[in-house]
C-alpha atoms as a PDB file:
ATOM      1  CA  MET A   1      50.786  50.145  75.099  1.00  0.00           C
ATOM      2  CA  ASN A   2      47.231  48.863  74.929  1.00  0.00           C
ATOM      3  CA  ILE A   3      44.153  50.421  73.305  1.00  0.00           C
ATOM      4  CA  SER A   4      43.225  52.536  76.348  1.00  0.00           C
ATOM      5  CA  ASP A   5      46.782  53.920  76.508  1.00  0.00           C
ATOM      6  CA  LEU A   6      46.576  54.725  72.798  1.00  0.00           C
ATOM      7  CA  VAL A   7      43.211  56.455  73.269  1.00  0.00           C
ATOM      8  CA  ASP A   8      44.667  58.516  76.135  1.00  0.00           C
ATOM      9  CA  ALA A   9      47.705  59.494  74.028  1.00  0.00           C
ATOM     10  CA  VAL A  10      45.567  60.551  71.056  1.00  0.00           C
ATOM     11  CA  ALA A  11      43.090  62.460  73.240  1.00  0.00           C
ATOM     12  CA  ALA A  12      45.989  64.294  74.909  1.00  0.00           C
ATOM     13  CA  THR A  13      47.142  65.742  71.565  1.00  0.00           C
ATOM     14  CA  ASP A  14      44.133  68.098  71.331  1.00  0.00           C
ATOM     15  CA  SER A  15      42.171  69.623  74.206  1.00  0.00           C
ATOM     16  CA  LYS A  16      38.984  69.656  72.079  1.00  0.00           C
ATOM     17  CA  LEU A  17      39.181  65.908  71.448  1.00  0.00           C
ATOM     18  CA  THR A  18      37.382  63.698  73.970  1.00  0.00           C
ATOM     19  CA  LYS A  19      38.466  60.174  74.805  1.00  0.00           C
ATOM     20  CA  ALA A  20      35.271  58.856  73.201  1.00  0.00           C
ATOM     21  CA  GLN A  21      36.065  60.702  69.963  1.00  0.00           C
ATOM     22  CA  ALA A  22      39.664  59.474  70.034  1.00  0.00           C
ATOM     23  CA  LYS A  23      38.517  55.891  70.601  1.00  0.00           C
ATOM     24  CA  ALA A  24      36.025  56.157  67.718  1.00  0.00           C
ATOM     25  CA  ALA A  25      38.736  57.530  65.405  1.00  0.00           C
ATOM     26  CA  ILE A  26      41.184  54.768  66.342  1.00  0.00           C
ATOM     27  CA  GLU A  27      38.561  52.039  65.920  1.00  0.00           C
ATOM     28  CA  ALA A  28      37.552  53.498  62.529  1.00  0.00           C
ATOM     29  CA  THR A  29      41.196  53.524  61.424  1.00  0.00           C
ATOM     30  CA  PHE A  30      41.715  49.894  62.396  1.00  0.00           C
ATOM     31  CA  ALA A  31      38.421  48.921  60.734  1.00  0.00           C
ATOM     32  CA  ALA A  32      39.487  50.623  57.496  1.00  0.00           C
ATOM     33  CA  ILE A  33      42.824  48.765  57.533  1.00  0.00           C
ATOM     34  CA  ARG A  34      41.037  45.468  58.273  1.00  0.00           C
ATOM     35  CA  ASP A  35      38.480  45.997  55.486  1.00  0.00           C
ATOM     36  CA  ALA A  36      41.173  46.904  52.957  1.00  0.00           C
ATOM     37  CA  ALA A  37      43.218  43.848  53.945  1.00  0.00           C
ATOM     38  CA  ALA A  38      40.140  41.606  53.608  1.00  0.00           C
ATOM     39  CA  LYS A  39      39.793  42.834  50.014  1.00  0.00           C
ATOM     40  CA  GLY A  40      43.497  42.189  49.388  1.00  0.00           C
ATOM     41  CA  ASP A  41      44.390  45.884  49.140  1.00  0.00           C
ATOM     42  CA  GLU A  42      47.601  47.381  50.476  1.00  0.00           C
ATOM     43  CA  VAL A  43      47.359  50.234  53.003  1.00  0.00           C
ATOM     44  CA  SER A  44      50.248  52.679  52.875  1.00  0.00           C
ATOM     45  CA  VAL A  45      50.721  55.333  55.564  1.00  0.00           C
ATOM     46  CA  PRO A  46      53.543  57.694  54.525  1.00  0.00           C
ATOM     47  CA  GLY A  47      56.188  58.022  57.223  1.00  0.00           C
ATOM     48  CA  PHE A  48      54.799  55.021  59.111  1.00  0.00           C
ATOM     49  CA  GLY A  49      54.683  51.971  56.843  1.00  0.00           C
ATOM     50  CA  LYS A  50      52.636  49.591  54.720  1.00  0.00           C
ATOM     51  CA  PHE A  51      50.149  46.894  55.604  1.00  0.00           C
ATOM     52  CA  ALA A  52      49.864  44.211  52.921  1.00  0.00           C
ATOM     53  CA  VAL A  53      48.334  40.750  52.635  1.00  0.00           C
ATOM     54  CA  GLN A  54      50.833  37.984  51.925  1.00  0.00           C
ATOM     55  CA  SER A  55      49.709  34.611  50.625  1.00  0.00           C
ATOM     56  CA  LYS A  56      51.463  31.533  51.951  1.00  0.00           C
ATOM     57  CA  PRO A  57      51.202  28.401  49.805  1.00  0.00           C
ATOM     58  CA  ALA A  58      50.282  24.970  51.129  1.00  0.00           C
ATOM     59  CA  ARG A  59      53.269  22.981  52.308  1.00  0.00           C
ATOM     60  CA  THR A  60      54.324  19.775  53.980  1.00  0.00           C
ATOM     61  CA  GLY A  61      55.451  19.916  57.594  1.00  0.00           C
ATOM     62  CA  ARG A  62      56.128  17.614  60.530  1.00  0.00           C
ATOM     63  CA  ASN A  63      54.263  17.160  63.785  1.00  0.00           C
ATOM     64  CA  PRO A  64      56.968  17.923  66.365  1.00  0.00           C
ATOM     65  CA  SER A  65      55.631  15.481  68.960  1.00  0.00           C
ATOM     66  CA  THR A  66      55.143  12.451  66.688  1.00  0.00           C
ATOM     67  CA  GLY A  67      57.369  13.234  63.731  1.00  0.00           C
ATOM     68  CA  ALA A  68      54.487  12.402  61.376  1.00  0.00           C
ATOM     69  CA  THR A  69      54.285  14.246  58.073  1.00  0.00           C
ATOM     70  CA  ILE A  70      51.315  16.610  57.855  1.00  0.00           C
ATOM     71  CA  GLN A  71      49.895  18.887  55.176  1.00  0.00           C
ATOM     72  CA  ILE A  72      49.754  22.564  56.173  1.00  0.00           C
ATOM     73  CA  ALA A  73      46.989  24.447  54.349  1.00  0.00           C
ATOM     74  CA  ALA A  74      47.546  27.611  52.331  1.00  0.00           C
ATOM     75  CA  SER A  75      46.900  30.787  54.301  1.00  0.00           C
ATOM     76  CA  LYS A  76      47.061  34.562  54.189  1.00  0.00           C
ATOM     77  CA  ALA A  77      48.793  36.828  56.683  1.00  0.00           C
ATOM     78  CA  LEU A  78      48.833  40.576  57.192  1.00  0.00           C
ATOM     79  CA  LYS A  79      52.396  41.856  57.014  1.00  0.00           C
ATOM     80  CA  PHE A  80      53.668  45.251  58.140  1.00  0.00           C
ATOM     81  CA  LYS A  81      56.698  46.876  56.572  1.00  0.00           C
ATOM     82  CA  PRO A  82      57.877  49.997  58.427  1.00  0.00           C
ATOM     83  CA  ALA A  83      58.760  53.135  56.477  1.00  0.00           C
ATOM     84  CA  LYS A  84      62.298  54.522  56.540  1.00  0.00           C
ATOM     85  CA  ALA A  85      61.217  57.396  58.803  1.00  0.00           C
ATOM     86  CA  LEU A  86      59.892  54.917  61.385  1.00  0.00           C
ATOM     87  CA  LYS A  87      63.037  52.788  61.181  1.00  0.00           C
ATOM     88  CA  ASP A  88      65.183  55.881  61.676  1.00  0.00           C
ATOM     89  CA  ALA A  89      63.104  56.965  64.683  1.00  0.00           C
ATOM     90  CA  LEU A  90      63.757  53.598  66.329  1.00  0.00           C
ATOM     91  CA  GLY A  91      67.482  54.144  66.061  1.00  0.00           C
END
């Protein structure tokens, strides 16, 4: 499913909702999650899951083509943990 499929699915849930309104709502939702993650906040959606920022420390790795040791910089990643209701729905 891509963004246009998602917009179509959301717009189909209510006859008063246009595709433009659905797209604006979806974009606003993703922007709110992105902004919260940028601040380091956790976003919890009951029945769906949690979005949280996870810090990864710097570490030493190896270049697979040369075998040389390299330093991998510290980074942050957005992690998603599904809620029990979502896990149960997946079977």
